Amino acid sequence: MIQLLWIELVSKLAAGLILVAVPLTAIKVMGLPRAPTAFWPRLLGGVLIGIAAATYMDASVRLGHGLSLAGSMVINLATGLTLGSMLFLKQGPETVRGRGMLWLVTVCLIGLALIEIAYI
């Protein structure tokens, strides 16, 4: 269980830091629709960093006082299903690369959620 929390921490922290540091470059590299400003990608990056911090609290500092594995599972499942729904309804990016990246993220999030369900 602790290993899954560390995977959660590293993946969310890395994505959050990238979105905060170079948001427009990150969405361009992934082939996602260009945002008019860096506000929303940076806001998402800040949220991901916050979730990573809560995961750190749960995994090491005060076990059980941060984001639990069940919380991570729900976040992953909700995000994966939301992304998958948007892609299925063709409301995602127009580029093949963008759609491919988001399908990959969707599969990874739902897969990780299913693994986490087994450990809850």
Protein backbone atom coordinates (compact mmCIF):
# COMPACT_ATOMS: atom_id res chain seq x y z
CA MET A 1 0.00 0.00 0.00
CA ILE A 2 2.80 2.43 0.89
CA GLN A 3 4.43 1.87 -2.53
CA LEU A 4 1.21 2.91 -4.27
CA LEU A 5 1.07 6.08 -2.19
CA TRP A 6 4.64 6.90 -3.23
CA ILE A 7 3.74 6.32 -6.90
CA GLU A 8 0.80 8.71 -6.37
CA LEU A 9 3.08 11.28 -4.75
CA VAL A 10 5.78 11.23 -7.42
CA SER A 11 3.39 11.25 -10.40
CA LYS A 12 1.18 14.07 -9.09
CA LEU A 13 4.12 16.16 -7.87
CA ALA A 14 5.94 15.81 -11.21
CA ALA A 15 2.86 16.74 -13.25
CA GLY A 16 2.05 19.62 -10.89
CA LEU A 17 5.55 21.08 -10.99
CA ILE A 18 5.65 20.89 -14.79
CA LEU A 19 2.26 22.62 -15.09
CA VAL A 20 3.30 25.34 -12.64
CA ALA A 21 6.74 25.92 -14.19
CA VAL A 22 6.02 25.68 -17.93
CA PRO A 23 2.24 25.38 -18.41
CA LEU A 24 1.93 26.52 -22.01
CA THR A 25 4.92 24.47 -23.13
CA ALA A 26 3.54 21.39 -21.33
CA ILE A 27 0.16 21.57 -23.03
CA LYS A 28 1.81 22.22 -26.40
CA VAL A 29 4.14 19.20 -26.03
CA MET A 30 1.17 16.97 -25.11
CA GLY A 31 -0.82 18.22 -28.10
CA LEU A 32 -3.64 19.67 -25.99
CA PRO A 33 -5.67 22.73 -26.98
CA ARG A 34 -3.79 25.96 -26.33
CA ALA A 35 -5.06 27.90 -23.36
CA PRO A 36 -5.45 31.67 -23.78
CA THR A 37 -3.48 32.19 -20.56
CA ALA A 38 -1.42 30.03 -18.23
CA PHE A 39 -3.94 30.51 -15.40
CA TRP A 40 -5.91 27.24 -15.67
CA PRO A 41 -2.95 24.91 -16.31
CA ARG A 42 -1.08 26.51 -13.39
CA LEU A 43 -4.14 26.22 -11.16
CA LEU A 44 -4.37 22.52 -11.97
CA GLY A 45 -0.64 22.21 -11.23
CA GLY A 46 -1.17 23.79 -7.82
CA VAL A 47 -4.01 21.39 -7.06
CA LEU A 48 -1.84 18.41 -8.07
CA ILE A 49 0.98 19.65 -5.82
CA GLY A 50 -1.53 19.94 -2.96
CA ILE A 51 -2.74 16.39 -3.52
CA ALA A 52 0.89 15.22 -3.60
CA ALA A 53 1.51 16.97 -0.27
CA ALA A 54 -1.54 15.28 1.28
CA THR A 55 -0.29 11.95 -0.03
CA TYR A 56 3.11 12.63 1.57
CA MET A 57 1.40 13.38 4.87
CA ASP A 58 -0.47 10.08 4.73
CA ALA A 59 2.51 8.01 3.59
CA SER A 60 5.17 9.26 5.97
CA VAL A 61 4.56 12.12 8.36
CA ARG A 62 1.29 11.22 10.09
CA LEU A 63 -0.02 7.95 8.74
CA GLY A 64 -3.76 8.26 8.24
CA HIS A 65 -3.89 12.07 8.52
CA GLY A 66 -3.49 13.00 4.90
CA LEU A 67 -5.04 11.76 1.70
CA SER A 68 -5.78 8.06 2.08
CA LEU A 69 -5.39 5.39 -0.56
CA ALA A 70 -9.18 5.40 -0.89
CA GLY A 71 -9.05 9.15 -1.55
CA SER A 72 -6.43 8.67 -4.26
CA MET A 73 -8.53 5.91 -5.80
CA VAL A 74 -11.60 8.14 -5.97
CA ILE A 75 -9.62 11.03 -7.49
CA ASN A 76 -8.05 8.72 -10.10
CA LEU A 77 -11.34 7.06 -10.97
CA ALA A 78 -13.27 10.34 -11.23
CA THR A 79 -10.55 11.98 -13.33
CA GLY A 80 -10.13 8.94 -15.58
CA LEU A 81 -13.86 8.59 -16.17
CA THR A 82 -14.22 12.33 -16.84
CA LEU A 83 -11.36 12.32 -19.35
CA GLY A 84 -12.66 9.14 -20.97
CA SER A 85 -16.16 10.58 -21.27
CA MET A 86 -14.87 13.79 -22.85
CA LEU A 87 -12.76 11.81 -25.32
CA PHE A 88 -15.63 9.42 -26.13
CA LEU A 89 -17.91 12.40 -26.82
CA LYS A 90 -15.18 13.98 -29.00
CA GLN A 91 -14.83 17.02 -26.73
CA GLY A 92 -11.09 16.62 -26.27
CA PRO A 93 -8.16 17.86 -28.31
CA GLU A 94 -8.32 17.86 -32.08
CA THR A 95 -4.83 16.45 -32.65
CA VAL A 96 -4.11 12.73 -32.82
CA ARG A 97 -1.20 13.21 -30.40
CA GLY A 98 -3.44 15.03 -27.92
CA ARG A 99 -6.14 12.36 -28.04
CA GLY A 100 -3.53 9.62 -27.73
CA MET A 101 -1.93 11.26 -24.70
CA LEU A 102 -5.28 11.70 -22.98
CA TRP A 103 -6.34 8.11 -23.70
CA LEU A 104 -3.03 6.96 -22.22
CA VAL A 105 -3.62 9.09 -19.11
CA THR A 106 -7.20 7.80 -18.88
CA VAL A 107 -6.13 4.16 -19.04
CA CYS A 108 -3.35 4.75 -16.49
CA LEU A 109 -5.68 6.53 -14.04
CA ILE A 110 -8.41 3.90 -14.23
CA GLY A 111 -5.85 1.10 -14.05
CA LEU A 112 -4.21 2.63 -10.99
CA ALA A 113 -7.65 3.09 -9.39
CA LEU A 114 -8.43 -0.59 -9.95
CA ILE A 115 -5.12 -1.62 -8.36
CA GLU A 116 -5.83 0.68 -5.42
CA ILE A 117 -9.28 -0.87 -4.95
CA ALA A 118 -7.55 -4.21 -4.42
CA TYR A 119 -5.50 -2.73 -1.55
CA ILE A 120 -8.31 -0.87 0.22
